[in-house]
Protein backbone atom coordinates (compact mmCIF):
# COMPACT_ATOMS: atom_id res chain seq x y z
CA MET A 1 209.90 93.34 62.26
CA PRO A 2 208.46 90.37 60.37
CA GLU A 3 210.95 87.89 58.93
CA GLN A 4 212.07 88.45 55.39
CA PRO A 5 210.65 85.88 52.93
CA ILE A 6 213.09 83.15 52.04
CA ARG A 7 214.64 83.28 48.60
CA LYS A 8 217.12 80.40 48.69
CA VAL A 9 217.35 77.12 50.54
CA ALA A 10 220.13 74.58 50.68
CA MET A 11 220.05 70.99 51.70
CA LEU A 12 222.69 68.43 52.63
CA THR A 13 222.73 64.80 53.77
CA ALA A 14 225.32 63.69 56.31
CA GLY A 15 226.56 60.78 58.39
CA GLY A 16 225.94 57.18 57.44
CA LEU A 17 223.30 56.18 54.89
CA ALA A 18 219.69 55.35 55.79
CA PRO A 19 216.72 54.33 53.68
CA CYS A 20 215.26 57.79 53.55
CA LEU A 21 217.90 60.15 52.23
CA SER A 22 217.02 59.94 48.53
CA SER A 23 213.28 60.23 49.28
CA ALA A 24 213.77 63.10 51.69
CA VAL A 25 215.73 65.08 49.08
CA GLY A 26 213.06 64.35 46.51
CA GLY A 27 210.30 65.25 48.91
CA LEU A 28 211.76 68.64 49.79
CA ILE A 29 212.25 69.53 46.14
CA GLU A 30 208.70 68.40 45.29
CA ARG A 31 207.08 70.33 48.16
CA TYR A 32 208.96 73.58 47.44
CA THR A 33 208.06 73.28 43.80
CA GLU A 34 204.37 72.85 44.78
CA VAL A 35 203.98 75.63 47.33
CA ALA A 36 206.95 78.05 46.72
CA PRO A 37 208.24 77.50 43.20
CA ASP A 38 210.20 80.77 43.21
CA VAL A 39 212.43 79.64 46.05
CA GLU A 40 215.86 78.62 44.71
CA ILE A 41 217.11 75.21 45.90
CA ILE A 42 220.69 73.96 46.01
CA GLY A 43 222.14 70.80 47.42
CA TYR A 44 225.68 70.75 48.91
CA LEU A 45 227.52 67.70 47.58
CA ASP A 46 228.89 65.15 50.08
CA GLY A 47 227.35 66.78 53.09
CA TYR A 48 229.41 69.23 55.15
CA ALA A 49 232.44 68.36 52.98
CA GLY A 50 230.68 70.04 50.00
CA LEU A 51 229.68 72.98 52.12
CA LEU A 52 233.29 73.55 53.22
CA THR A 53 234.62 73.28 49.66
CA GLY A 54 231.82 75.16 47.97
CA ARG A 55 230.52 72.27 45.86
CA SER A 56 226.76 72.29 45.16
CA VAL A 57 224.17 71.49 42.58
CA LYS A 58 221.14 73.65 41.69
CA ALA A 59 217.64 72.24 41.42
CA THR A 60 216.96 73.07 37.77
CA PRO A 61 213.54 72.71 36.18
CA ASP A 62 214.52 69.28 34.92
CA ILE A 63 215.60 68.17 38.40
CA ARG A 64 212.36 69.49 39.85
CA ALA A 65 210.32 67.61 37.22
CA THR A 66 212.03 64.32 37.96
CA ALA A 67 212.36 64.60 41.77
CA HIS A 68 209.64 61.93 42.24
CA ARG A 69 212.12 59.33 40.90
CA LEU A 70 214.24 59.76 43.99
CA HIS A 71 211.69 57.93 46.11
CA ARG A 72 212.52 54.70 44.33
CA PHE A 73 216.17 54.56 45.38
CA GLY A 74 218.40 54.17 48.37
CA GLY A 75 221.58 56.07 49.09
CA SER A 76 221.81 59.88 48.68
CA PRO A 77 221.76 61.57 45.28
CA ILE A 78 223.82 64.45 46.65
CA GLY A 79 226.31 62.32 48.67
CA ASN A 80 227.20 62.00 52.33
CA SER A 81 230.29 62.40 54.56
CA ARG A 82 231.14 62.41 58.21
CA VAL A 83 232.55 65.86 59.04
CA LYS A 84 232.56 67.65 62.38
CA LEU A 85 233.00 71.37 61.83
CA THR A 86 234.54 71.88 65.27
CA ASN A 87 237.15 69.16 64.61
CA VAL A 88 239.73 71.48 63.04
CA ASP A 89 242.58 69.01 62.82
CA ASP A 90 240.41 66.49 60.93
CA ALA A 91 239.15 69.09 58.49
CA ILE A 92 242.73 70.21 57.71
CA LYS A 93 243.95 66.64 57.40
CA ARG A 94 241.23 65.84 54.87
CA GLY A 95 241.84 68.95 52.85
CA PHE A 96 238.50 70.70 53.53
CA VAL A 97 240.15 73.79 54.97
CA LYS A 98 243.66 75.24 55.04
CA GLU A 99 246.00 75.56 57.98
CA GLY A 100 244.87 78.41 60.18
CA GLN A 101 241.26 78.38 58.96
CA ASP A 102 238.27 77.69 61.17
CA PRO A 103 235.90 75.20 59.51
CA LEU A 104 232.91 76.77 61.23
CA GLU A 105 233.86 80.14 59.73
CA VAL A 106 234.57 78.68 56.32
CA ALA A 107 231.13 76.95 56.28
CA ALA A 108 229.42 80.11 57.47
CA ASP A 109 231.07 82.25 54.88
CA GLN A 110 230.02 79.81 52.14
CA LEU A 111 226.43 79.87 53.26
CA ALA A 112 226.47 83.68 53.44
CA ASN A 113 228.16 84.02 50.07
CA ASP A 114 225.62 81.61 48.55
CA GLY A 115 222.76 83.71 50.02
CA VAL A 116 221.26 80.73 51.79
CA ASP A 117 218.31 81.61 54.06
CA VAL A 118 217.39 78.07 55.14
CA LEU A 119 219.61 75.04 55.51
CA HIS A 120 217.86 71.63 55.48
CA THR A 121 220.04 68.96 57.11
CA ILE A 122 219.09 65.31 56.73
CA GLY A 123 221.04 63.35 59.30
CA GLY A 124 221.34 62.11 62.85
CA ASP A 125 221.98 63.91 66.10
CA ASP A 126 225.59 64.83 65.14
CA THR A 127 224.36 66.40 61.94
CA SER A 128 221.65 68.39 63.78
CA THR A 129 223.96 69.60 66.58
CA THR A 130 226.58 70.65 64.04
CA ALA A 131 223.94 72.62 62.16
CA ALA A 132 222.90 74.28 65.43
CA GLU A 133 226.50 75.33 66.09
CA LEU A 134 226.61 76.77 62.55
CA ALA A 135 223.40 78.75 62.98
CA THR A 136 224.63 80.17 66.32
CA TYR A 137 227.91 81.24 64.73
CA LEU A 138 226.16 82.93 61.80
CA ARG A 139 223.74 84.75 64.06
CA LYS A 140 226.65 86.18 66.06
CA HIS A 141 228.13 87.43 62.83
CA GLY A 142 225.01 89.13 61.52
CA HIS A 143 223.60 86.48 59.14
CA GLU A 144 220.30 84.90 59.99
CA LEU A 145 220.13 81.24 59.01
CA THR A 146 217.19 79.02 59.76
CA VAL A 147 218.11 75.35 60.18
CA VAL A 148 215.33 72.80 59.56
CA GLY A 149 216.56 69.29 59.97
CA LEU A 150 215.10 65.85 59.25
CA PRO A 151 215.94 62.94 61.58
CA LYS A 152 217.84 60.19 59.82
CA THR A 153 219.28 57.15 61.57
CA VAL A 154 218.63 53.42 61.27
CA ASP A 155 219.34 53.13 64.99
CA ASN A 156 216.16 55.13 65.89
CA ASP A 157 218.10 56.67 68.75
CA ILE A 158 217.50 60.43 68.53
CA VAL A 159 216.11 62.15 71.59
CA PRO A 160 213.21 63.18 71.60
CA VAL A 161 212.19 61.86 68.16
CA ARG A 162 209.69 58.98 68.35
CA GLN A 163 210.59 57.47 64.99
CA SER A 164 213.59 58.31 62.83
CA LEU A 165 213.21 58.25 59.03
CA GLY A 166 214.41 55.00 57.49
CA ALA A 167 214.51 52.88 60.56
CA TRP A 168 211.44 50.79 59.72
CA THR A 169 212.92 49.98 56.30
CA ALA A 170 216.28 49.04 57.78
CA ALA A 171 214.61 46.54 60.10
CA GLU A 172 212.59 45.07 57.22
CA GLN A 173 215.69 44.76 55.06
CA GLY A 174 217.75 43.26 57.88
CA ALA A 175 215.13 40.54 58.24
CA ARG A 176 215.24 39.90 54.50
CA PHE A 177 219.04 39.64 54.71
CA ALA A 178 218.67 37.16 57.55
CA ARG A 179 216.41 34.79 55.56
CA ASN A 180 219.42 33.84 53.41
CA VAL A 181 222.10 34.12 56.08
CA ILE A 182 220.29 31.80 58.49
CA ALA A 183 220.27 29.10 55.78
CA GLU A 184 224.02 28.83 56.41
CA HIS A 185 223.21 26.79 59.47
CA SER A 186 222.97 23.85 57.14
CA SER A 187 226.46 24.26 55.70
CA ASN A 188 228.17 22.53 58.58
CA PRO A 189 227.24 20.46 61.65
CA ARG A 190 227.10 22.46 64.95
CA MET A 191 227.12 25.83 63.20
CA LEU A 192 227.16 29.12 65.22
CA MET A 193 225.56 31.86 63.12
CA ILE A 194 225.93 35.49 64.23
CA HIS A 195 223.88 38.11 62.49
CA GLU A 196 225.44 41.50 63.41
CA VAL A 197 223.01 44.42 63.12
CA MET A 198 223.78 48.15 63.28
CA GLY A 199 223.15 49.94 66.58
CA ARG A 200 225.93 51.71 68.50
CA ASN A 201 224.08 52.63 71.74
CA CYS A 202 220.56 51.57 70.92
CA GLY A 203 219.26 48.04 70.35
CA TRP A 204 216.00 49.09 68.68
CA LEU A 205 217.09 48.08 65.17
CA THR A 206 218.29 44.63 66.28
CA ALA A 207 215.09 44.05 68.19
CA ALA A 208 212.92 45.26 65.32
CA THR A 209 214.88 43.20 62.84
CA ALA A 210 214.43 40.11 65.00
CA ARG A 211 210.73 40.83 65.27
CA ALA A 212 210.34 41.26 61.49
CA TYR A 213 212.31 38.00 60.88
CA ARG A 214 210.23 35.95 63.29
CA SER A 215 207.06 37.38 61.71
CA TRP A 216 208.21 36.01 58.34
CA LEU A 217 209.18 32.71 60.04
CA ALA A 218 205.61 32.32 61.38
CA THR A 219 204.19 32.45 57.85
CA GLN A 220 206.28 29.59 56.46
CA GLU A 221 205.42 25.95 55.94
CA TRP A 222 207.92 23.36 57.19
CA ALA A 223 208.96 19.72 56.56
CA PRO A 224 210.71 18.63 59.76
CA GLU A 225 210.82 15.00 58.58
CA ILE A 226 213.43 15.89 55.97
CA GLY A 227 215.20 18.46 58.12
CA LEU A 228 213.36 21.62 57.22
CA ASP A 229 212.82 22.30 60.94
CA PRO A 230 211.61 25.70 62.12
CA ARG A 231 213.77 25.34 65.28
CA ARG A 232 216.87 25.40 63.10
CA TRP A 233 215.67 28.57 61.33
CA ASP A 234 214.63 30.39 64.52
CA ILE A 235 216.56 32.98 66.51
CA HIS A 236 218.11 31.59 69.69
CA GLY A 237 219.61 34.72 71.20
CA VAL A 238 219.14 38.51 70.78
CA TYR A 239 221.79 40.73 72.40
CA LEU A 240 221.42 44.47 72.82
CA PRO A 241 223.52 47.24 74.45
CA GLU A 242 220.63 47.72 76.94
CA LEU A 243 220.60 44.09 78.09
CA GLY A 244 222.98 42.69 80.69
CA LEU A 245 224.72 39.51 79.56
CA ASP A 246 226.36 36.79 81.62
CA ILE A 247 228.22 35.02 78.82
CA GLU A 248 228.85 31.79 80.66
CA THR A 249 225.27 31.39 81.84
CA GLU A 250 223.87 32.30 78.45
CA ALA A 251 226.35 29.98 76.76
CA GLY A 252 225.04 27.16 78.93
CA ARG A 253 221.53 27.71 77.61
CA LEU A 254 222.80 27.96 74.02
CA ARG A 255 224.84 24.75 74.42
CA GLN A 256 221.52 22.94 75.03
CA VAL A 257 220.12 24.54 71.91
CA MET A 258 223.15 23.40 69.91
CA ASP A 259 222.82 19.83 71.23
CA GLN A 260 219.11 19.69 70.41
CA THR A 261 219.04 21.44 67.00
CA GLY A 262 222.59 21.25 65.67
CA CYS A 263 222.94 25.02 65.34
CA VAL A 264 222.70 28.34 67.18
CA ASN A 265 221.50 31.59 65.53
CA ILE A 266 222.21 34.88 67.22
CA PHE A 267 221.05 38.42 66.38
CA LEU A 268 223.67 40.85 67.79
CA SER A 269 223.54 44.60 68.09
CA GLU A 270 227.00 45.89 67.07
CA GLY A 271 227.14 48.12 70.17
CA ALA A 272 226.63 45.21 72.56
CA GLY A 273 229.89 44.47 74.43
CA VAL A 274 231.82 47.37 72.89
CA GLU A 275 233.05 48.57 76.27
CA SER A 276 234.58 45.16 76.91
CA ILE A 277 236.22 45.13 73.48
CA VAL A 278 237.66 48.64 73.98
CA THR A 279 238.96 47.64 77.45
CA GLU A 280 240.69 44.58 76.02
CA MET A 281 242.27 46.60 73.17
CA GLU A 282 243.55 49.31 75.47
CA SER A 283 244.92 46.74 77.90
CA ARG A 284 246.99 45.36 75.03
CA GLY A 285 248.19 48.87 74.17
CA GLU A 286 246.25 48.94 70.93
CA GLU A 287 244.87 52.22 69.57
CA VAL A 288 241.05 52.19 69.41
CA PRO A 289 239.97 53.50 65.94
CA ARG A 290 237.54 56.45 66.22
CA ASP A 291 235.69 58.67 63.72
CA PRO A 292 235.85 62.54 63.64
CA PHE A 293 233.11 62.69 66.31
CA GLY A 294 235.08 60.43 68.68
CA HIS A 295 232.88 57.37 68.20
CA VAL A 296 234.51 53.93 68.16
CA GLN A 297 234.61 52.74 64.53
CA LEU A 298 232.58 49.60 65.01
CA ASP A 299 233.37 48.15 61.61
CA LYS A 300 237.07 48.09 62.61
CA VAL A 301 236.70 46.57 66.04
CA ASN A 302 234.35 43.80 64.81
CA PRO A 303 231.92 43.11 67.69
CA GLY A 304 230.57 40.04 65.91
CA GLN A 305 233.96 38.41 65.75
CA TRP A 306 234.55 39.19 69.40
CA PHE A 307 231.27 37.56 70.41
CA ALA A 308 232.03 34.58 68.20
CA LYS A 309 235.29 34.02 70.09
CA GLN A 310 233.45 34.24 73.45
CA PHE A 311 230.75 31.73 72.50
CA ALA A 312 232.34 29.29 70.01
CA ASP A 313 233.98 26.87 72.48
CA LEU A 314 231.37 27.34 75.20
CA VAL A 315 228.52 26.19 72.91
CA GLY A 316 230.61 23.52 71.19
CA ALA A 317 230.50 25.03 67.72
CA GLU A 318 232.42 23.31 64.93
CA LYS A 319 232.25 26.31 62.71
CA VAL A 320 231.34 30.00 63.14
CA ASN A 321 229.84 32.33 60.51
CA VAL A 322 229.54 36.10 61.24
CA GLN A 323 227.43 38.15 58.81
CA LYS A 324 226.64 41.91 58.90
CA SER A 325 223.43 43.27 57.40
CA GLY A 326 224.20 46.95 58.04
CA TYR A 327 225.29 48.08 54.55
CA PHE A 328 222.57 45.99 52.90
CA SER A 329 219.90 47.44 55.18
CA ARG A 330 220.91 51.10 55.24
CA SER A 331 221.28 51.35 51.50
CA ALA A 332 217.75 50.25 50.62
CA ALA A 333 214.98 52.45 49.15
CA ALA A 334 212.35 53.46 51.67
CA ASN A 335 209.38 51.09 52.20
CA GLY A 336 205.74 52.18 52.23
CA ASP A 337 205.66 52.98 55.98
CA ASP A 338 208.77 55.16 55.75
CA LEU A 339 207.62 56.85 52.55
CA ARG A 340 204.45 58.00 54.34
CA LEU A 341 206.51 59.21 57.34
CA ILE A 342 209.03 60.99 55.06
CA LYS A 343 206.21 62.70 53.17
CA SER A 344 204.63 64.10 56.32
CA CYS A 345 207.98 65.29 57.65
CA THR A 346 209.24 66.85 54.41
CA ASP A 347 205.92 68.72 53.93
CA PHE A 348 206.10 69.98 57.54
CA ALA A 349 209.79 70.92 57.06
CA VAL A 350 208.89 73.19 54.14
CA GLU A 351 206.09 74.77 56.06
CA SER A 352 208.46 75.43 59.02
CA ALA A 353 211.06 76.88 56.68
CA LEU A 354 208.65 79.22 55.04
CA ARG A 355 207.65 80.65 58.42
CA ARG A 356 211.30 80.68 59.54
CA GLU A 357 210.75 78.22 62.34
CA GLY A 358 213.94 76.22 62.89
CA GLY A 359 214.28 72.79 64.52
CA LEU A 360 214.41 69.10 63.88
CA ILE A 361 211.17 67.83 62.33
CA GLY A 362 209.76 64.80 64.11
CA HIS A 363 207.10 63.43 66.45
CA ASP A 364 208.19 64.89 69.82
CA GLU A 365 207.99 62.22 72.53
CA GLU A 366 208.25 64.91 75.20
CA ARG A 367 205.37 66.90 73.72
CA GLY A 368 202.73 64.20 73.41
CA GLY A 369 204.05 62.77 70.11
CA GLN A 370 203.18 65.96 68.20
CA LEU A 371 204.78 66.48 64.79
CA ARG A 372 206.74 69.74 65.21
CA ALA A 373 210.02 71.53 64.79
CA ILE A 374 211.89 70.23 67.84
CA GLU A 375 214.24 72.83 69.36
CA LEU A 376 217.76 71.87 68.32
CA ASP A 377 219.20 72.37 71.81
CA ARG A 378 216.92 69.54 73.00
CA VAL A 379 218.24 67.12 70.35
CA LYS A 380 220.78 64.51 71.34
CA GLY A 381 221.74 60.97 70.49
CA GLY A 382 222.02 57.80 72.52
CA LYS A 383 218.28 57.20 73.10
CA GLN A 384 218.07 53.70 74.52
CA PHE A 385 215.58 51.03 73.60
CA ASP A 386 213.48 49.71 76.47
CA PRO A 387 213.90 45.89 76.55
CA SER A 388 210.76 45.60 78.72
CA THR A 389 208.65 46.81 75.73
CA SER A 390 205.92 44.16 75.50
CA TRP A 391 206.54 42.90 71.98
CA PHE A 392 210.28 42.46 72.68
CA ALA A 393 209.72 40.82 76.04
CA ASP A 394 207.31 38.43 74.34
CA LEU A 395 209.90 37.73 71.66
CA LEU A 396 212.59 36.81 74.27
CA GLY A 397 210.06 34.62 76.05
CA ALA A 398 209.28 32.80 72.87
CA ILE A 399 212.94 31.95 72.19
CA GLY A 400 213.62 31.06 75.82
CA GLN A 401 216.06 33.89 76.57
CA PRO A 402 216.04 35.51 80.03
CA THR A 403 214.88 39.14 79.95
CA SER A 404 217.64 40.36 82.29
């Protein structure tokens, strides 16, 4: 039998912010309004938290008419949260379900009661895999739900998606943030500046941010005679989870930079060195803070501060300044490149939904880069950045950092 036509779709945004959420919500509303105006649209508020508690907003005619405005803003108009439906204890603790309830069942019942045919999730791999679990549960209980996701993460680390929505903008904004932060090298002699960039397992964002910053650097005019020296504004080290690091050897190189220029500027991926930090904490008997998905809460373990302690004395720094660009970068409105990518993906997502083809919409690296609905059981996180990529290897060569 042919699939029944869809009558109602729901959307939610989940996980951390990225510079695509508002635009993706707007894009879905616009496309449905263009090609299937009779399809009802609702948005669950605060991600899976709103789904569990039955809080949603309907796309009224006024909302549909003004959806284009969402492309101009960062954040998510319908709100985010980090909720894992299979983490029962966390859901009970946070008041999303009652004692004895199964969050998966509560969410499924809500979708069934709301008459939702298609659920659009806008999030990372955790969001997509959670949606897949939900669809499987519903299917077993006689309710067909099509899940059509959009890949959101500033880390650009979703397998097998070539480019996650919002990642280009996050790199551009991180470089903009660095323009001001790096000026702090002049606030004190022998300053060690550490710019901590988001990226738990994948160094792509740190590498792309460094690339964007050095591209800006190359367009500037300098006055070395009065101290406006490009060497003092340059990046002197880029550290990623995928790169090995001998701290003492690298500190020796950076000590020479400090002696020659009077400062050292480092771009650090927040996931670099986390295993060492966790090992230290556990050896001291400290509890490692983790989120509902079991990930180390990087903002609480402070990788930038840990690296600062490792390097400060070794490079002879008089003062250390650690700055984080993550919240600045991830909250931006999408740039032109991302807007074009979001548009192509939201249009394709609606097409897939209307033909009841579920999956995560993206350019599939394992299928020749084709834009398609990627099977959800193939989606996972932790895609690593390849440090041997030519543009990054060239960047390391330009700043004098060993590639391994």
